[in-house]
Amino acid sequence: MSEQSDVERQAPASAPKEEAPAEVICSDTILKGNQEVLIQHGETTYRLRITQNGKLILCK
């Protein structure tokens, strides 16, 4: 057997696809000056809010 056919047999059937980097969205864009927003995801509503310490918290 040739060296090339050995390499071909060892290569994975399909190479893993590289994922595109996640889009970055400024929290100001989402909150639009508000302290909290409600986000509907499927049948569930989530609350995204800014805490007194300036952190973001997402609650069901």
PDB file of N, CA and C in Angstrom:
ATOM      1  N   MET A   1       0.831  -1.190   0.000  1.00  0.00           N
ATOM      2  CA  MET A   1       0.000   0.000   0.000  1.00  0.00           C
ATOM      3  C   MET A   1       0.864   1.238   0.000  1.00  0.00           C
ATOM      4  N   SER A   2       0.353   2.263  -0.627  1.00  0.00           N
ATOM      5  CA  SER A   2       1.112   3.503  -0.675  1.00  0.00           C
ATOM      6  C   SER A   2       0.888   4.293   0.604  1.00  0.00           C
ATOM      7  N   GLU A   3       1.814   5.207   0.857  1.00  0.00           N
ATOM      8  CA  GLU A   3       1.722   6.060   2.044  1.00  0.00           C
ATOM      9  C   GLU A   3       0.485   6.951   1.984  1.00  0.00           C
ATOM     10  N   GLN A   4       0.127   7.411   0.796  1.00  0.00           N
ATOM     11  CA  GLN A   4      -1.015   8.305   0.644  1.00  0.00           C
ATOM     12  C   GLN A   4      -2.314   7.602   1.035  1.00  0.00           C
ATOM     13  N   SER A   5      -2.515   6.365   0.650  1.00  0.00           N
ATOM     14  CA  SER A   5      -3.747   5.677   0.989  1.00  0.00           C
ATOM     15  C   SER A   5      -3.844   5.428   2.489  1.00  0.00           C
ATOM     16  N   ASP A   6      -2.717   5.240   3.186  1.00  0.00           N
ATOM     17  CA  ASP A   6      -2.729   5.101   4.641  1.00  0.00           C
ATOM     18  C   ASP A   6      -3.212   6.390   5.299  1.00  0.00           C
ATOM     19  N   VAL A   7      -2.777   7.528   4.804  1.00  0.00           N
ATOM     20  CA  VAL A   7      -3.175   8.822   5.344  1.00  0.00           C
ATOM     21  C   VAL A   7      -4.663   9.048   5.107  1.00  0.00           C
ATOM     22  N   GLU A   8      -5.136   8.685   3.924  1.00  0.00           N
ATOM     23  CA  GLU A   8      -6.548   8.877   3.599  1.00  0.00           C
ATOM     24  C   GLU A   8      -7.442   8.041   4.517  1.00  0.00           C
ATOM     25  N   ARG A   9      -7.011   6.836   4.851  1.00  0.00           N
ATOM     26  CA  ARG A   9      -7.803   5.976   5.721  1.00  0.00           C
ATOM     27  C   ARG A   9      -7.840   6.521   7.153  1.00  0.00           C
ATOM     28  N   GLN A  10      -6.797   7.194   7.595  1.00  0.00           N
ATOM     29  CA  GLN A  10      -6.724   7.694   8.955  1.00  0.00           C
ATOM     30  C   GLN A  10      -7.455   9.029   9.129  1.00  0.00           C
ATOM     31  N   ALA A  11      -7.711   9.723   8.052  1.00  0.00           N
ATOM     32  CA  ALA A  11      -8.378  11.026   8.131  1.00  0.00           C
ATOM     33  C   ALA A  11      -9.837  10.829   8.517  1.00  0.00           C
ATOM     34  N   PRO A  12     -10.397  11.734   9.336  1.00  0.00           N
ATOM     35  CA  PRO A  12     -11.811  11.600   9.708  1.00  0.00           C
ATOM     36  C   PRO A  12     -12.712  11.742   8.480  1.00  0.00           C
ATOM     37  N   ALA A  13     -13.875  11.121   8.550  1.00  0.00           N
ATOM     38  CA  ALA A  13     -14.808  11.143   7.419  1.00  0.00           C
ATOM     39  C   ALA A  13     -15.226  12.558   7.083  1.00  0.00           C
ATOM     40  N   SER A  14     -15.508  13.363   8.101  1.00  0.00           N
ATOM     41  CA  SER A  14     -15.863  14.759   7.847  1.00  0.00           C
ATOM     42  C   SER A  14     -15.199  15.627   8.914  1.00  0.00           C
ATOM     43  N   ALA A  15     -14.566  16.672   8.476  1.00  0.00           N
ATOM     44  CA  ALA A  15     -13.887  17.568   9.399  1.00  0.00           C
ATOM     45  C   ALA A  15     -14.935  18.393  10.154  1.00  0.00           C
ATOM     46  N   PRO A  16     -14.682  18.667  11.453  1.00  0.00           N
ATOM     47  CA  PRO A  16     -15.651  19.478  12.202  1.00  0.00           C
ATOM     48  C   PRO A  16     -15.747  20.881  11.630  1.00  0.00           C
ATOM     49  N   LYS A  17     -16.965  21.393  11.571  1.00  0.00           N
ATOM     50  CA  LYS A  17     -17.173  22.735  11.037  1.00  0.00           C
ATOM     51  C   LYS A  17     -16.843  23.749  12.113  1.00  0.00           C
ATOM     52  N   GLU A  18     -16.170  24.825  11.720  1.00  0.00           N
ATOM     53  CA  GLU A  18     -15.867  25.888  12.663  1.00  0.00           C
ATOM     54  C   GLU A  18     -17.104  26.760  12.834  1.00  0.00           C
ATOM     55  N   GLU A  19     -17.441  27.057  14.104  1.00  0.00           N
ATOM     56  CA  GLU A  19     -18.595  27.904  14.370  1.00  0.00           C
ATOM     57  C   GLU A  19     -18.195  29.365  14.234  1.00  0.00           C
ATOM     58  N   ALA A  20     -19.109  30.144  13.715  1.00  0.00           N
ATOM     59  CA  ALA A  20     -18.876  31.585  13.609  1.00  0.00           C
ATOM     60  C   ALA A  20     -18.904  32.171  15.016  1.00  0.00           C
ATOM     61  N   PRO A  21     -18.095  33.173  15.281  1.00  0.00           N
ATOM     62  CA  PRO A  21     -18.127  33.780  16.618  1.00  0.00           C
ATOM     63  C   PRO A  21     -19.496  34.386  16.914  1.00  0.00           C
ATOM     64  N   ALA A  22     -19.880  34.338  18.178  1.00  0.00           N
ATOM     65  CA  ALA A  22     -21.178  34.885  18.577  1.00  0.00           C
ATOM     66  C   ALA A  22     -21.202  36.387  18.351  1.00  0.00           C
ATOM     67  N   GLU A  23     -22.360  36.890  17.979  1.00  0.00           N
ATOM     68  CA  GLU A  23     -22.530  38.321  17.770  1.00  0.00           C
ATOM     69  C   GLU A  23     -22.496  39.029  19.121  1.00  0.00           C
ATOM     70  N   VAL A  24     -21.808  40.153  19.202  1.00  0.00           N
ATOM     71  CA  VAL A  24     -21.747  40.945  20.427  1.00  0.00           C
ATOM     72  C   VAL A  24     -22.749  42.086  20.322  1.00  0.00           C
ATOM     73  N   ILE A  25     -23.640  42.171  21.308  1.00  0.00           N
ATOM     74  CA  ILE A  25     -24.658  43.216  21.342  1.00  0.00           C
ATOM     75  C   ILE A  25     -24.493  43.974  22.651  1.00  0.00           C
ATOM     76  N   CYS A  26     -24.414  45.279  22.578  1.00  0.00           N
ATOM     77  CA  CYS A  26     -24.286  46.120  23.760  1.00  0.00           C
ATOM     78  C   CYS A  26     -25.574  46.023  24.582  1.00  0.00           C
ATOM     79  N   SER A  27     -25.444  45.922  25.900  1.00  0.00           N
ATOM     80  CA  SER A  27     -26.628  45.825  26.747  1.00  0.00           C
ATOM     81  C   SER A  27     -27.526  47.041  26.601  1.00  0.00           C
ATOM     82  N   ASP A  28     -26.960  48.208  26.288  1.00  0.00           N
ATOM     83  CA  ASP A  28     -27.767  49.409  26.061  1.00  0.00           C
ATOM     84  C   ASP A  28     -28.731  49.224  24.897  1.00  0.00           C
ATOM     85  N   THR A  29     -28.308  48.464  23.906  1.00  0.00           N
ATOM     86  CA  THR A  29     -29.160  48.189  22.753  1.00  0.00           C
ATOM     87  C   THR A  29     -30.375  47.368  23.166  1.00  0.00           C
ATOM     88  N   ILE A  30     -30.167  46.435  24.065  1.00  0.00           N
ATOM     89  CA  ILE A  30     -31.263  45.576  24.516  1.00  0.00           C
ATOM     90  C   ILE A  30     -32.152  46.301  25.523  1.00  0.00           C
ATOM     91  N   LEU A  31     -31.546  46.979  26.482  1.00  0.00           N
ATOM     92  CA  LEU A  31     -32.300  47.605  27.567  1.00  0.00           C
ATOM     93  C   LEU A  31     -32.915  48.960  27.190  1.00  0.00           C
ATOM     94  N   LYS A  32     -32.333  49.641  26.217  1.00  0.00           N
ATOM     95  CA  LYS A  32     -32.846  50.923  25.720  1.00  0.00           C
ATOM     96  C   LYS A  32     -33.147  51.909  26.849  1.00  0.00           C
ATOM     97  N   GLY A  33     -32.228  52.030  27.793  1.00  0.00           N
ATOM     98  CA  GLY A  33     -32.380  52.981  28.887  1.00  0.00           C
ATOM     99  C   GLY A  33     -33.209  52.488  30.062  1.00  0.00           C
ATOM    100  N   ASN A  34     -33.795  51.321  29.954  1.00  0.00           N
ATOM    101  CA  ASN A  34     -34.594  50.751  31.041  1.00  0.00           C
ATOM    102  C   ASN A  34     -33.712  49.938  31.985  1.00  0.00           C
ATOM    103  N   GLN A  35     -34.209  49.697  33.187  1.00  0.00           N
ATOM    104  CA  GLN A  35     -33.492  48.869  34.153  1.00  0.00           C
ATOM    105  C   GLN A  35     -33.730  47.387  33.906  1.00  0.00           C
ATOM    106  N   GLU A  36     -34.817  47.047  33.209  1.00  0.00           N
ATOM    107  CA  GLU A  36     -35.114  45.646  32.926  1.00  0.00           C
ATOM    108  C   GLU A  36     -35.950  45.514  31.659  1.00  0.00           C
ATOM    109  N   VAL A  37     -35.861  44.348  31.052  1.00  0.00           N
ATOM    110  CA  VAL A  37     -36.677  43.998  29.900  1.00  0.00           C
ATOM    111  C   VAL A  37     -37.144  42.564  30.074  1.00  0.00           C
ATOM    112  N   LEU A  38     -38.254  42.243  29.440  1.00  0.00           N
ATOM    113  CA  LEU A  38     -38.752  40.882  29.418  1.00  0.00           C
ATOM    114  C   LEU A  38     -38.396  40.278  28.069  1.00  0.00           C
ATOM    115  N   ILE A  39     -37.926  39.039  28.104  1.00  0.00           N
ATOM    116  CA  ILE A  39     -37.514  38.344  26.884  1.00  0.00           C
ATOM    117  C   ILE A  39     -38.355  37.089  26.756  1.00  0.00           C
ATOM    118  N   GLN A  40     -39.080  36.975  25.646  1.00  0.00           N
ATOM    119  CA  GLN A  40     -39.892  35.795  25.379  1.00  0.00           C
ATOM    120  C   GLN A  40     -39.042  34.800  24.599  1.00  0.00           C
ATOM    121  N   HIS A  41     -38.915  33.587  25.136  1.00  0.00           N
ATOM    122  CA  HIS A  41     -38.168  32.515  24.465  1.00  0.00           C
ATOM    123  C   HIS A  41     -39.057  31.284  24.465  1.00  0.00           C
ATOM    124  N   GLY A  42     -39.636  30.981  23.317  1.00  0.00           N
ATOM    125  CA  GLY A  42     -40.610  29.890  23.263  1.00  0.00           C
ATOM    126  C   GLY A  42     -41.823  30.281  24.085  1.00  0.00           C
ATOM    127  N   GLU A  43     -42.194  29.426  25.021  1.00  0.00           N
ATOM    128  CA  GLU A  43     -43.351  29.705  25.876  1.00  0.00           C
ATOM    129  C   GLU A  43     -42.928  30.291  27.220  1.00  0.00           C
ATOM    130  N   THR A  44     -41.640  30.532  27.410  1.00  0.00           N
ATOM    131  CA  THR A  44     -41.121  31.027  28.683  1.00  0.00           C
ATOM    132  C   THR A  44     -40.724  32.489  28.568  1.00  0.00           C
ATOM    133  N   THR A  45     -41.054  33.263  29.599  1.00  0.00           N
ATOM    134  CA  THR A  45     -40.662  34.667  29.659  1.00  0.00           C
ATOM    135  C   THR A  45     -39.549  34.819  30.683  1.00  0.00           C
ATOM    136  N   TYR A  46     -38.482  35.488  30.286  1.00  0.00           N
ATOM    137  CA  TYR A  46     -37.344  35.749  31.158  1.00  0.00           C
ATOM    138  C   TYR A  46     -37.260  37.241  31.431  1.00  0.00           C
ATOM    139  N   ARG A  47     -36.700  37.604  32.581  1.00  0.00           N
ATOM    140  CA  ARG A  47     -36.498  38.997  32.969  1.00  0.00           C
ATOM    141  C   ARG A  47     -34.988  39.253  33.000  1.00  0.00           C
ATOM    142  N   LEU A  48     -34.531  40.195  32.187  1.00  0.00           N
ATOM    143  CA  LEU A  48     -33.138  40.626  32.185  1.00  0.00           C
ATOM    144  C   LEU A  48     -33.098  41.985  32.858  1.00  0.00           C
ATOM    145  N   ARG A  49     -32.336  42.101  33.955  1.00  0.00           N
ATOM    146  CA  ARG A  49     -32.318  43.374  34.665  1.00  0.00           C
ATOM    147  C   ARG A  49     -30.912  43.729  35.121  1.00  0.00           C
ATOM    148  N   ILE A  50     -30.746  45.018  35.398  1.00  0.00           N
ATOM    149  CA  ILE A  50     -29.486  45.527  35.926  1.00  0.00           C
ATOM    150  C   ILE A  50     -29.626  45.600  37.445  1.00  0.00           C
ATOM    151  N   THR A  51     -28.677  45.018  38.171  1.00  0.00           N
ATOM    152  CA  THR A  51     -28.702  45.058  39.629  1.00  0.00           C
ATOM    153  C   THR A  51     -28.206  46.418  40.120  1.00  0.00           C
ATOM    154  N   GLN A  52     -28.311  46.649  41.420  1.00  0.00           N
ATOM    155  CA  GLN A  52     -27.814  47.896  42.018  1.00  0.00           C
ATOM    156  C   GLN A  52     -26.304  48.034  41.855  1.00  0.00           C
ATOM    157  N   ASN A  53     -25.616  46.906  41.683  1.00  0.00           N
ATOM    158  CA  ASN A  53     -24.160  46.918  41.492  1.00  0.00           C
ATOM    159  C   ASN A  53     -23.766  47.022  40.019  1.00  0.00           C
ATOM    160  N   GLY A  54     -24.743  47.194  39.147  1.00  0.00           N
ATOM    161  CA  GLY A  54     -24.448  47.353  37.725  1.00  0.00           C
ATOM    162  C   GLY A  54     -24.219  46.044  36.979  1.00  0.00           C
ATOM    163  N   LYS A  55     -24.562  44.930  37.585  1.00  0.00           N
ATOM    164  CA  LYS A  55     -24.428  43.613  36.942  1.00  0.00           C
ATOM    165  C   LYS A  55     -25.729  43.260  36.237  1.00  0.00           C
ATOM    166  N   LEU A  56     -25.642  42.388  35.253  1.00  0.00           N
ATOM    167  CA  LEU A  56     -26.844  41.879  34.580  1.00  0.00           C
ATOM    168  C   LEU A  56     -27.250  40.556  35.209  1.00  0.00           C
ATOM    169  N   ILE A  57     -28.551  40.366  35.376  1.00  0.00           N
ATOM    170  CA  ILE A  57     -29.060  39.108  35.887  1.00  0.00           C
ATOM    171  C   ILE A  57     -30.249  38.693  35.039  1.00  0.00           C
ATOM    172  N   LEU A  58     -30.303  37.421  34.700  1.00  0.00           N
ATOM    173  CA  LEU A  58     -31.387  36.869  33.887  1.00  0.00           C
ATOM    174  C   LEU A  58     -32.145  35.872  34.751  1.00  0.00           C
ATOM    175  N   CYS A  59     -33.449  36.111  34.928  1.00  0.00           N
ATOM    176  CA  CYS A  59     -34.281  35.259  35.771  1.00  0.00           C
ATOM    177  C   CYS A  59     -35.454  34.722  34.960  1.00  0.00           C
ATOM    178  N   LYS A  60     -35.890  33.540  35.316  1.00  0.00           N
ATOM    179  CA  LYS A  60     -37.056  32.928  34.707  1.00  0.00           C
ATOM    180  C   LYS A  60     -38.303  33.508  35.308  1.00  0.00           C
TER     181      LYS A  60
END
